[in-house]
Amino acid sequence: MISTSHTHASPVVLARTSNKVLKMIGITVLAMAAMAITANHAWAADNLASQDKTFLTKAAGAGNAEVSASQLALQKSSDPEVKSFAQQMIDDHTKVGDDLKKLATAKGFSAPADPSTVDKAKIMGMSKLDGHGFDKQYVAAIGVSAHKDAVALFKKASTSAKDPDVRQFAATNLPTLQHHLEMAKELKTSVDAKK
């Protein structure tokens, strides 16, 4: 006689097996989604021209240096004009920095959150100064020189950045930087005339 009995799994075993399979499927789907998101960001960053990445990196570093040095100026300066200028630099460059981070993130690029190594060294040197000596160095290095560099950087990117959003960001923020440069030149004249 041929036996026709089949072995049937109990409902408990089937439920455990189903839960394990569902967990495996869920983990696989999550892993695939994470890979797709990562690949999309990598693709976006890879599609950002190297000159645009360079611009975003330099612009972020310069802005971070402006904020750091200006925070130092609020602590070290006793000149109300210098303090007022420093506060405006903190306010304006923080806003531009936030906009830059949003743009960079949208493009899958991570902009630096700190000043460049060179700028950190400049700020460290300034931190050792006090009074009028500090004011002169801050206004010359951060007020005038850094803004000349920033204006040149943004002017170039406003016409030659490959990505239209990067080009628009540079063009939109260029007038503010030009205004900062003019303010810094006037402040330098005033600070140089003292003592």
N, C-alpha and C. Protein backbone atom coordinates (compact mmCIF):
# COMPACT_ATOMS: atom_id res chain seq x y z
N MET A 1 0.81 -1.17 0.00
CA MET A 1 0.00 0.00 0.00
C MET A 1 0.87 1.25 0.00
N ILE A 2 0.48 2.19 -0.79
CA ILE A 2 1.22 3.44 -0.89
C ILE A 2 0.58 4.44 0.07
N SER A 3 1.45 5.02 0.85
CA SER A 3 0.94 6.00 1.81
C SER A 3 0.77 7.34 1.11
N THR A 4 -0.31 7.95 1.29
CA THR A 4 -0.59 9.26 0.70
C THR A 4 -0.60 10.36 1.76
N SER A 5 -0.13 10.06 2.91
CA SER A 5 -0.15 11.08 3.95
C SER A 5 0.98 12.09 3.70
N HIS A 6 0.70 13.30 3.87
CA HIS A 6 1.67 14.39 3.70
C HIS A 6 2.01 14.95 5.06
N THR A 7 3.22 15.41 5.17
CA THR A 7 3.60 16.03 6.41
C THR A 7 3.19 17.50 6.33
N HIS A 8 2.41 17.92 7.25
CA HIS A 8 1.95 19.32 7.30
C HIS A 8 2.63 20.03 8.46
N ALA A 9 3.07 21.27 8.20
CA ALA A 9 3.69 22.06 9.26
C ALA A 9 2.59 22.64 10.13
N SER A 10 2.89 22.80 11.37
CA SER A 10 1.90 23.34 12.29
C SER A 10 1.72 24.83 12.00
N PRO A 11 0.60 25.39 12.37
CA PRO A 11 0.37 26.82 12.17
C PRO A 11 1.42 27.69 12.86
N VAL A 12 1.94 27.26 14.00
CA VAL A 12 2.95 28.03 14.74
C VAL A 12 4.23 28.10 13.92
N VAL A 13 4.65 26.98 13.34
CA VAL A 13 5.87 26.95 12.53
C VAL A 13 5.69 27.82 11.30
N LEU A 14 4.53 27.72 10.66
CA LEU A 14 4.26 28.55 9.48
C LEU A 14 4.27 30.04 9.84
N ALA A 15 3.72 30.42 10.97
CA ALA A 15 3.69 31.83 11.40
C ALA A 15 5.10 32.35 11.65
N ARG A 16 5.94 31.51 12.30
CA ARG A 16 7.33 31.92 12.55
C ARG A 16 8.09 32.08 11.25
N THR A 17 7.88 31.14 10.36
CA THR A 17 8.57 31.19 9.07
C THR A 17 8.11 32.42 8.29
N SER A 18 6.81 32.71 8.31
CA SER A 18 6.27 33.87 7.61
C SER A 18 6.84 35.16 8.19
N ASN A 19 6.94 35.25 9.51
CA ASN A 19 7.49 36.45 10.15
C ASN A 19 8.95 36.64 9.77
N LYS A 20 9.72 35.54 9.74
CA LYS A 20 11.12 35.63 9.35
C LYS A 20 11.25 36.09 7.91
N VAL A 21 10.44 35.55 7.04
CA VAL A 21 10.48 35.93 5.63
C VAL A 21 10.09 37.40 5.48
N LEU A 22 9.06 37.83 6.18
CA LEU A 22 8.64 39.23 6.10
C LEU A 22 9.73 40.16 6.62
N LYS A 23 10.40 39.77 7.71
CA LYS A 23 11.49 40.59 8.23
C LYS A 23 12.62 40.67 7.22
N MET A 24 12.94 39.53 6.60
CA MET A 24 14.02 39.52 5.60
C MET A 24 13.65 40.42 4.41
N ILE A 25 12.41 40.35 3.98
CA ILE A 25 11.96 41.18 2.86
C ILE A 25 12.02 42.66 3.27
N GLY A 26 11.57 42.96 4.48
CA GLY A 26 11.61 44.34 4.98
C GLY A 26 13.02 44.88 5.05
N ILE A 27 13.93 44.09 5.56
CA ILE A 27 15.33 44.51 5.65
C ILE A 27 15.91 44.73 4.26
N THR A 28 15.59 43.84 3.36
CA THR A 28 16.08 43.96 1.98
C THR A 28 15.55 45.24 1.33
N VAL A 29 14.28 45.52 1.52
CA VAL A 29 13.68 46.73 0.93
C VAL A 29 14.33 47.98 1.53
N LEU A 30 14.52 48.00 2.84
CA LEU A 30 15.18 49.15 3.47
C LEU A 30 16.60 49.32 2.97
N ALA A 31 17.32 48.23 2.85
CA ALA A 31 18.71 48.30 2.36
C ALA A 31 18.74 48.84 0.93
N MET A 32 17.81 48.37 0.11
CA MET A 32 17.76 48.85 -1.28
C MET A 32 17.40 50.33 -1.34
N ALA A 33 16.49 50.76 -0.48
CA ALA A 33 16.12 52.18 -0.44
C ALA A 33 17.30 53.03 -0.01
N ALA A 34 18.03 52.57 1.01
CA ALA A 34 19.21 53.31 1.47
C ALA A 34 20.25 53.39 0.37
N MET A 35 20.45 52.30 -0.35
CA MET A 35 21.42 52.30 -1.45
C MET A 35 20.99 53.26 -2.55
N ALA A 36 19.69 53.30 -2.83
CA ALA A 36 19.19 54.20 -3.88
C ALA A 36 19.38 55.66 -3.47
N ILE A 37 19.11 55.97 -2.21
CA ILE A 37 19.29 57.35 -1.73
C ILE A 37 20.76 57.72 -1.80
N THR A 38 21.63 56.85 -1.32
CA THR A 38 23.07 57.10 -1.35
C THR A 38 23.55 57.27 -2.79
N ALA A 39 23.09 56.39 -3.65
CA ALA A 39 23.50 56.48 -5.06
C ALA A 39 23.01 57.77 -5.69
N ASN A 40 21.79 58.21 -5.32
CA ASN A 40 21.25 59.44 -5.87
C ASN A 40 22.09 60.64 -5.42
N HIS A 41 22.48 60.67 -4.13
CA HIS A 41 23.33 61.76 -3.65
C HIS A 41 24.70 61.71 -4.32
N ALA A 42 25.24 60.52 -4.46
CA ALA A 42 26.55 60.38 -5.11
C ALA A 42 26.44 60.83 -6.57
N TRP A 43 25.34 60.47 -7.22
CA TRP A 43 25.15 60.86 -8.61
C TRP A 43 25.05 62.37 -8.71
N ALA A 44 24.29 62.98 -7.78
CA ALA A 44 24.13 64.45 -7.81
C ALA A 44 25.47 65.12 -7.59
N ALA A 45 26.25 64.65 -6.61
CA ALA A 45 27.56 65.25 -6.34
C ALA A 45 28.50 65.02 -7.50
N ASP A 46 28.42 63.84 -8.11
CA ASP A 46 29.29 63.55 -9.26
C ASP A 46 28.92 64.41 -10.46
N ASN A 47 27.66 64.82 -10.53
CA ASN A 47 27.24 65.66 -11.65
C ASN A 47 27.52 67.14 -11.40
N LEU A 48 27.95 67.48 -10.22
CA LEU A 48 28.33 68.86 -9.91
C LEU A 48 29.76 69.04 -10.40
N ALA A 49 29.98 70.00 -11.26
CA ALA A 49 31.31 70.23 -11.83
C ALA A 49 32.32 70.51 -10.73
N SER A 50 33.55 70.11 -10.96
CA SER A 50 34.58 70.30 -9.93
C SER A 50 34.76 71.77 -9.59
N GLN A 51 34.63 72.66 -10.57
CA GLN A 51 34.76 74.09 -10.27
C GLN A 51 33.62 74.57 -9.39
N ASP A 52 32.43 73.98 -9.52
CA ASP A 52 31.31 74.35 -8.65
C ASP A 52 31.54 73.83 -7.23
N LYS A 53 32.09 72.62 -7.12
CA LYS A 53 32.43 72.08 -5.79
C LYS A 53 33.49 72.96 -5.14
N THR A 54 34.47 73.38 -5.92
CA THR A 54 35.54 74.24 -5.40
C THR A 54 34.95 75.56 -4.91
N PHE A 55 34.05 76.14 -5.71
CA PHE A 55 33.41 77.39 -5.30
C PHE A 55 32.66 77.20 -3.98
N LEU A 56 31.83 76.16 -3.88
CA LEU A 56 31.05 75.93 -2.67
C LEU A 56 31.96 75.72 -1.46
N THR A 57 33.06 75.00 -1.66
CA THR A 57 34.01 74.75 -0.58
C THR A 57 34.67 76.05 -0.12
N LYS A 58 35.17 76.83 -1.08
CA LYS A 58 35.83 78.10 -0.74
C LYS A 58 34.84 79.09 -0.13
N ALA A 59 33.65 79.17 -0.69
CA ALA A 59 32.65 80.11 -0.18
C ALA A 59 32.23 79.74 1.24
N ALA A 60 32.03 78.47 1.50
CA ALA A 60 31.65 78.03 2.85
C ALA A 60 32.78 78.32 3.84
N GLY A 61 34.01 77.98 3.46
CA GLY A 61 35.15 78.22 4.35
C GLY A 61 35.33 79.69 4.66
N ALA A 62 35.20 80.53 3.63
CA ALA A 62 35.35 81.98 3.81
C ALA A 62 34.24 82.53 4.71
N GLY A 63 33.03 82.09 4.48
CA GLY A 63 31.91 82.54 5.32
C GLY A 63 32.08 82.11 6.77
N ASN A 64 32.54 80.87 6.95
CA ASN A 64 32.77 80.37 8.31
C ASN A 64 33.87 81.18 9.00
N ALA A 65 34.89 81.57 8.24
CA ALA A 65 35.97 82.39 8.79
C ALA A 65 35.44 83.77 9.19
N GLU A 66 34.60 84.36 8.35
CA GLU A 66 34.00 85.66 8.67
C GLU A 66 33.24 85.60 9.98
N VAL A 67 32.44 84.55 10.14
CA VAL A 67 31.63 84.42 11.36
C VAL A 67 32.54 84.22 12.57
N SER A 68 33.50 83.32 12.48
CA SER A 68 34.39 83.03 13.62
C SER A 68 35.20 84.27 14.03
N ALA A 69 35.78 84.94 13.04
CA ALA A 69 36.59 86.13 13.34
C ALA A 69 35.72 87.26 13.89
N SER A 70 34.51 87.37 13.38
CA SER A 70 33.61 88.43 13.85
C SER A 70 33.11 88.15 15.26
N GLN A 71 32.92 86.88 15.61
CA GLN A 71 32.57 86.54 16.99
C GLN A 71 33.71 86.92 17.92
N LEU A 72 34.93 86.70 17.46
CA LEU A 72 36.11 87.09 18.23
C LEU A 72 36.14 88.62 18.39
N ALA A 73 35.80 89.34 17.32
CA ALA A 73 35.79 90.81 17.37
C ALA A 73 34.78 91.32 18.39
N LEU A 74 33.65 90.65 18.52
CA LEU A 74 32.67 91.08 19.52
C LEU A 74 33.25 90.96 20.93
N GLN A 75 34.12 90.00 21.14
CA GLN A 75 34.73 89.80 22.46
C GLN A 75 35.91 90.73 22.69
N LYS A 76 36.73 90.95 21.65
CA LYS A 76 38.02 91.62 21.84
C LYS A 76 38.01 93.11 21.56
N SER A 77 37.12 93.57 20.72
CA SER A 77 37.14 94.97 20.34
C SER A 77 36.41 95.83 21.37
N SER A 78 36.90 97.05 21.53
CA SER A 78 36.19 98.00 22.38
C SER A 78 35.64 99.15 21.53
N ASP A 79 35.85 99.05 20.21
CA ASP A 79 35.39 100.08 19.28
C ASP A 79 33.96 99.75 18.84
N PRO A 80 33.01 100.65 19.12
CA PRO A 80 31.61 100.39 18.76
C PRO A 80 31.41 100.18 17.25
N GLU A 81 32.18 100.90 16.42
CA GLU A 81 32.06 100.72 14.96
C GLU A 81 32.50 99.32 14.54
N VAL A 82 33.58 98.84 15.13
CA VAL A 82 34.09 97.50 14.81
C VAL A 82 33.08 96.45 15.27
N LYS A 83 32.54 96.64 16.47
CA LYS A 83 31.56 95.69 17.00
C LYS A 83 30.29 95.66 16.14
N SER A 84 29.85 96.81 15.69
CA SER A 84 28.67 96.88 14.84
C SER A 84 28.91 96.16 13.51
N PHE A 85 30.07 96.41 12.91
CA PHE A 85 30.44 95.74 11.67
C PHE A 85 30.51 94.23 11.89
N ALA A 86 31.14 93.82 12.99
CA ALA A 86 31.28 92.39 13.29
C ALA A 86 29.92 91.72 13.44
N GLN A 87 29.00 92.39 14.12
CA GLN A 87 27.67 91.81 14.30
C GLN A 87 26.95 91.66 12.96
N GLN A 88 27.09 92.66 12.10
CA GLN A 88 26.46 92.56 10.78
C GLN A 88 27.08 91.41 9.98
N MET A 89 28.40 91.22 10.11
CA MET A 89 29.06 90.12 9.40
C MET A 89 28.55 88.78 9.90
N ILE A 90 28.36 88.66 11.20
CA ILE A 90 27.83 87.42 11.77
C ILE A 90 26.43 87.15 11.22
N ASP A 91 25.59 88.17 11.27
CA ASP A 91 24.20 88.00 10.81
C ASP A 91 24.14 87.65 9.33
N ASP A 92 24.82 88.45 8.50
CA ASP A 92 24.74 88.25 7.05
C ASP A 92 25.40 86.95 6.61
N HIS A 93 26.59 86.67 7.14
CA HIS A 93 27.31 85.47 6.70
C HIS A 93 26.69 84.19 7.25
N THR A 94 26.02 84.27 8.38
CA THR A 94 25.31 83.10 8.89
C THR A 94 24.15 82.76 7.96
N LYS A 95 23.42 83.79 7.52
CA LYS A 95 22.30 83.56 6.60
C LYS A 95 22.80 82.99 5.27
N VAL A 96 23.83 83.59 4.71
CA VAL A 96 24.39 83.10 3.44
C VAL A 96 24.92 81.68 3.62
N GLY A 97 25.56 81.42 4.76
CA GLY A 97 26.08 80.08 5.03
C GLY A 97 24.97 79.05 5.09
N ASP A 98 23.85 79.40 5.72
CA ASP A 98 22.71 78.49 5.78
C ASP A 98 22.16 78.21 4.38
N ASP A 99 22.06 79.25 3.57
CA ASP A 99 21.59 79.09 2.19
C ASP A 99 22.56 78.22 1.39
N LEU A 100 23.85 78.43 1.60
CA LEU A 100 24.86 77.64 0.89
C LEU A 100 24.76 76.16 1.28
N LYS A 101 24.57 75.89 2.57
CA LYS A 101 24.44 74.50 3.03
C LYS A 101 23.23 73.84 2.39
N LYS A 102 22.11 74.57 2.31
CA LYS A 102 20.90 74.01 1.69
C LYS A 102 21.16 73.70 0.21
N LEU A 103 21.80 74.62 -0.48
CA LEU A 103 22.12 74.41 -1.89
C LEU A 103 23.05 73.21 -2.05
N ALA A 104 24.10 73.17 -1.26
CA ALA A 104 25.07 72.06 -1.36
C ALA A 104 24.39 70.73 -1.08
N THR A 105 23.56 70.68 -0.05
CA THR A 105 22.85 69.45 0.29
C THR A 105 21.93 69.02 -0.85
N ALA A 106 21.23 69.97 -1.44
CA ALA A 106 20.35 69.66 -2.57
C ALA A 106 21.13 69.09 -3.75
N LYS A 107 22.39 69.47 -3.84
CA LYS A 107 23.24 68.99 -4.94
C LYS A 107 24.03 67.73 -4.54
N GLY A 108 23.77 67.23 -3.32
CA GLY A 108 24.45 66.04 -2.85
C GLY A 108 25.90 66.29 -2.45
N PHE A 109 26.20 67.53 -2.09
CA PHE A 109 27.57 67.90 -1.75
C PHE A 109 27.61 68.37 -0.31
N SER A 110 28.65 68.04 0.39
CA SER A 110 28.79 68.44 1.79
C SER A 110 29.80 69.58 1.90
N ALA A 111 29.31 70.77 2.17
CA ALA A 111 30.18 71.94 2.30
C ALA A 111 30.83 71.93 3.69
N PRO A 112 32.05 72.46 3.79
CA PRO A 112 32.72 72.47 5.10
C PRO A 112 31.97 73.34 6.11
N ALA A 113 32.06 72.91 7.37
CA ALA A 113 31.37 73.64 8.44
C ALA A 113 32.32 74.51 9.24
N ASP A 114 33.59 74.54 8.84
CA ASP A 114 34.60 75.31 9.57
C ASP A 114 35.41 76.16 8.60
N PRO A 115 36.12 77.15 9.13
CA PRO A 115 37.04 77.91 8.28
C PRO A 115 38.15 76.99 7.75
N SER A 116 38.80 77.41 6.68
CA SER A 116 39.94 76.65 6.16
C SER A 116 41.07 76.68 7.19
N THR A 117 42.04 75.81 7.00
CA THR A 117 43.19 75.76 7.91
C THR A 117 43.93 77.09 7.91
N VAL A 118 44.08 77.70 6.74
CA VAL A 118 44.76 78.99 6.64
C VAL A 118 43.99 80.06 7.41
N ASP A 119 42.67 80.08 7.24
CA ASP A 119 41.86 81.07 7.96
C ASP A 119 41.86 80.83 9.47
N LYS A 120 41.88 79.56 9.87
CA LYS A 120 41.95 79.26 11.31
C LYS A 120 43.24 79.83 11.90
N ALA A 121 44.34 79.72 11.15
CA ALA A 121 45.63 80.25 11.61
C ALA A 121 45.57 81.77 11.73
N LYS A 122 44.94 82.43 10.76
CA LYS A 122 44.79 83.90 10.82
C LYS A 122 43.99 84.31 12.05
N ILE A 123 42.91 83.59 12.29
CA ILE A 123 42.04 83.91 13.43
C ILE A 123 42.79 83.66 14.74
N MET A 124 43.56 82.58 14.77
CA MET A 124 44.36 82.27 15.97
C MET A 124 45.36 83.40 16.23
N GLY A 125 45.99 83.89 15.17
CA GLY A 125 46.92 85.01 15.32
C GLY A 125 46.23 86.26 15.83
N MET A 126 45.05 86.54 15.31
CA MET A 126 44.28 87.70 15.77
C MET A 126 43.87 87.57 17.23
N SER A 127 43.62 86.34 17.65
CA SER A 127 43.14 86.14 19.03
C SER A 127 44.19 86.54 20.06
N LYS A 128 45.44 86.65 19.63
CA LYS A 128 46.52 87.04 20.55
C LYS A 128 46.67 88.55 20.66
N LEU A 129 45.93 89.27 19.83
CA LEU A 129 46.00 90.74 19.85
C LEU A 129 44.88 91.31 20.72
N ASP A 130 45.08 92.55 21.14
CA ASP A 130 44.06 93.24 21.94
C ASP A 130 43.93 94.68 21.46
N GLY A 131 42.83 95.29 21.87
CA GLY A 131 42.62 96.72 21.64
C GLY A 131 42.73 97.14 20.20
N HIS A 132 43.39 98.28 20.00
CA HIS A 132 43.49 98.88 18.68
C HIS A 132 44.26 97.98 17.70
N GLY A 133 45.26 97.26 18.20
CA GLY A 133 46.01 96.33 17.36
C GLY A 133 45.10 95.24 16.79
N PHE A 134 44.21 94.73 17.64
CA PHE A 134 43.24 93.73 17.17
C PHE A 134 42.32 94.34 16.12
N ASP A 135 41.78 95.52 16.42
CA ASP A 135 40.83 96.17 15.51
C ASP A 135 41.44 96.36 14.13
N LYS A 136 42.68 96.87 14.09
CA LYS A 136 43.35 97.10 12.80
C LYS A 136 43.52 95.80 12.02
N GLN A 137 43.95 94.75 12.70
CA GLN A 137 44.16 93.46 12.04
C GLN A 137 42.85 92.86 11.55
N TYR A 138 41.82 92.90 12.39
CA TYR A 138 40.51 92.36 12.03
C TYR A 138 39.94 93.09 10.81
N VAL A 139 39.96 94.41 10.85
CA VAL A 139 39.38 95.19 9.75
C VAL A 139 40.17 94.99 8.46
N ALA A 140 41.49 94.93 8.56
CA ALA A 140 42.31 94.75 7.36
C ALA A 140 42.17 93.33 6.79
N ALA A 141 42.29 92.32 7.65
CA ALA A 141 42.31 90.94 7.17
C ALA A 141 40.92 90.38 6.88
N ILE A 142 40.00 90.59 7.78
CA ILE A 142 38.65 90.02 7.63
C ILE A 142 37.73 91.01 6.92
N GLY A 143 37.83 92.26 7.27
CA GLY A 143 36.97 93.25 6.63
C GLY A 143 37.31 93.47 5.18
N VAL A 144 38.53 93.92 4.90
CA VAL A 144 38.89 94.32 3.54
C VAL A 144 39.41 93.14 2.72
N SER A 145 40.48 92.52 3.14
CA SER A 145 41.14 91.49 2.34
C SER A 145 40.22 90.29 2.06
N ALA A 146 39.57 89.79 3.09
CA ALA A 146 38.69 88.62 2.90
C ALA A 146 37.51 88.96 1.99
N HIS A 147 37.00 90.19 2.09
CA HIS A 147 35.88 90.55 1.22
C HIS A 147 36.33 90.79 -0.22
N LYS A 148 37.55 91.28 -0.42
CA LYS A 148 38.07 91.38 -1.79
C LYS A 148 38.11 90.00 -2.42
N ASP A 149 38.63 89.03 -1.65
CA ASP A 149 38.70 87.65 -2.15
C ASP A 149 37.31 87.08 -2.41
N ALA A 150 36.38 87.33 -1.49
CA ALA A 150 35.01 86.80 -1.63
C ALA A 150 34.31 87.41 -2.84
N VAL A 151 34.48 88.72 -3.03
CA VAL A 151 33.86 89.38 -4.19
C VAL A 151 34.40 88.76 -5.49
N ALA A 152 35.71 88.56 -5.58
CA ALA A 152 36.30 87.96 -6.78
C ALA A 152 35.77 86.54 -6.98
N LEU A 153 35.69 85.76 -5.90
CA LEU A 153 35.20 84.38 -5.97
C LEU A 153 33.76 84.32 -6.45
N PHE A 154 32.88 85.15 -5.86
CA PHE A 154 31.47 85.15 -6.21
C PHE A 154 31.24 85.75 -7.60
N LYS A 155 32.02 86.75 -7.96
CA LYS A 155 31.88 87.36 -9.28
C LYS A 155 32.17 86.32 -10.37
N LYS A 156 33.24 85.57 -10.19
CA LYS A 156 33.61 84.53 -11.16
C LYS A 156 32.52 83.45 -11.24
N ALA A 157 32.07 82.97 -10.08
CA ALA A 157 31.05 81.91 -10.06
C ALA A 157 29.71 82.39 -10.62
N SER A 158 29.42 83.68 -10.47
CA SER A 158 28.13 84.20 -10.95
C SER A 158 28.03 84.16 -12.47
N THR A 159 29.16 84.06 -13.14
CA THR A 159 29.14 83.99 -14.61
C THR A 159 29.65 82.66 -15.16
N SER A 160 30.46 81.94 -14.37
CA SER A 160 31.08 80.75 -14.95
C SER A 160 30.74 79.43 -14.27
N ALA A 161 29.96 79.45 -13.20
CA ALA A 161 29.57 78.18 -12.57
C ALA A 161 28.77 77.36 -13.58
N LYS A 162 29.01 76.08 -13.60
CA LYS A 162 28.32 75.19 -14.55
C LYS A 162 26.86 74.96 -14.15
N ASP A 163 26.63 74.80 -12.86
CA ASP A 163 25.28 74.52 -12.38
C ASP A 163 24.51 75.85 -12.27
N PRO A 164 23.33 75.93 -12.86
CA PRO A 164 22.58 77.19 -12.83
C PRO A 164 22.19 77.65 -11.42
N ASP A 165 21.94 76.71 -10.51
CA ASP A 165 21.59 77.08 -9.14
C ASP A 165 22.81 77.65 -8.40
N VAL A 166 23.97 77.10 -8.66
CA VAL A 166 25.21 77.60 -8.05
C VAL A 166 25.49 79.00 -8.61
N ARG A 167 25.33 79.16 -9.92
CA ARG A 167 25.54 80.46 -10.57
C ARG A 167 24.57 81.50 -9.99
N GLN A 168 23.32 81.11 -9.79
CA GLN A 168 22.31 82.03 -9.24
C GLN A 168 22.63 82.39 -7.78
N PHE A 169 23.08 81.41 -7.01
CA PHE A 169 23.46 81.66 -5.62
C PHE A 169 24.57 82.71 -5.57
N ALA A 170 25.58 82.54 -6.40
CA ALA A 170 26.70 83.49 -6.42
C ALA A 170 26.22 84.88 -6.84
N ALA A 171 25.41 84.95 -7.88
CA ALA A 171 24.93 86.23 -8.39
C ALA A 171 24.04 86.94 -7.36
N THR A 172 23.23 86.18 -6.66
CA THR A 172 22.31 86.75 -5.67
C THR A 172 23.07 87.35 -4.49
N ASN A 173 24.16 86.70 -4.08
CA ASN A 173 24.89 87.14 -2.88
C ASN A 173 26.03 88.10 -3.17
N LEU A 174 26.40 88.27 -4.42
CA LEU A 174 27.50 89.16 -4.79
C LEU A 174 27.27 90.61 -4.33
N PRO A 175 26.09 91.21 -4.55
CA PRO A 175 25.90 92.61 -4.12
C PRO A 175 26.10 92.82 -2.61
N THR A 176 25.70 91.84 -1.80
CA THR A 176 25.90 91.96 -0.35
C THR A 176 27.38 91.98 -0.03
N LEU A 177 28.14 91.11 -0.67
CA LEU A 177 29.59 91.06 -0.43
C LEU A 177 30.27 92.35 -0.89
N GLN A 178 29.81 92.88 -2.02
CA GLN A 178 30.36 94.16 -2.50
C GLN A 178 30.07 95.28 -1.50
N HIS A 179 28.87 95.26 -0.94
CA HIS A 179 28.51 96.25 0.08
C HIS A 179 29.38 96.08 1.32
N HIS A 180 29.61 94.82 1.73
CA HIS A 180 30.49 94.56 2.88
C HIS A 180 31.89 95.11 2.63
N LEU A 181 32.38 94.94 1.41
CA LEU A 181 33.72 95.43 1.08
C LEU A 181 33.78 96.95 1.21
N GLU A 182 32.78 97.64 0.71
CA GLU A 182 32.74 99.10 0.83
C GLU A 182 32.66 99.53 2.29
N MET A 183 31.83 98.84 3.06
CA MET A 183 31.73 99.15 4.50
C MET A 183 33.09 98.94 5.18
N ALA A 184 33.77 97.85 4.82
CA ALA A 184 35.06 97.52 5.43
C ALA A 184 36.12 98.56 5.09
N LYS A 185 36.10 99.04 3.86
CA LYS A 185 37.07 100.08 3.46
C LYS A 185 36.86 101.36 4.28
N GLU A 186 35.59 101.74 4.44
CA GLU A 186 35.27 102.93 5.24
C GLU A 186 35.68 102.72 6.70
N LEU A 187 35.41 101.54 7.22
CA LEU A 187 35.76 101.24 8.60
C LEU A 187 37.27 101.24 8.79
N LYS A 188 37.99 100.72 7.81
CA LYS A 188 39.45 100.68 7.88
C LYS A 188 40.01 102.11 7.96
N THR A 189 39.45 103.00 7.14
CA THR A 189 39.88 104.41 7.18
C THR A 189 39.66 105.00 8.56
N SER A 190 38.51 104.70 9.15
CA SER A 190 38.19 105.22 10.47
C SER A 190 39.09 104.61 11.55
N VAL A 191 39.31 103.30 11.51
CA VAL A 191 40.14 102.63 12.52
C VAL A 191 41.60 103.07 12.38
N ASP A 192 42.09 103.19 11.15
CA ASP A 192 43.47 103.62 10.93
C ASP A 192 43.72 105.04 11.44
N ALA A 193 42.68 105.87 11.42
CA ALA A 193 42.84 107.27 11.85
C ALA A 193 42.93 107.39 13.37
N LYS A 194 42.49 106.34 14.09
CA LYS A 194 42.54 106.36 15.54
C LYS A 194 43.90 105.93 16.02
N LYS A 195 44.35 106.53 17.12
CA LYS A 195 45.65 106.25 17.75
C LYS A 195 46.78 106.38 16.76
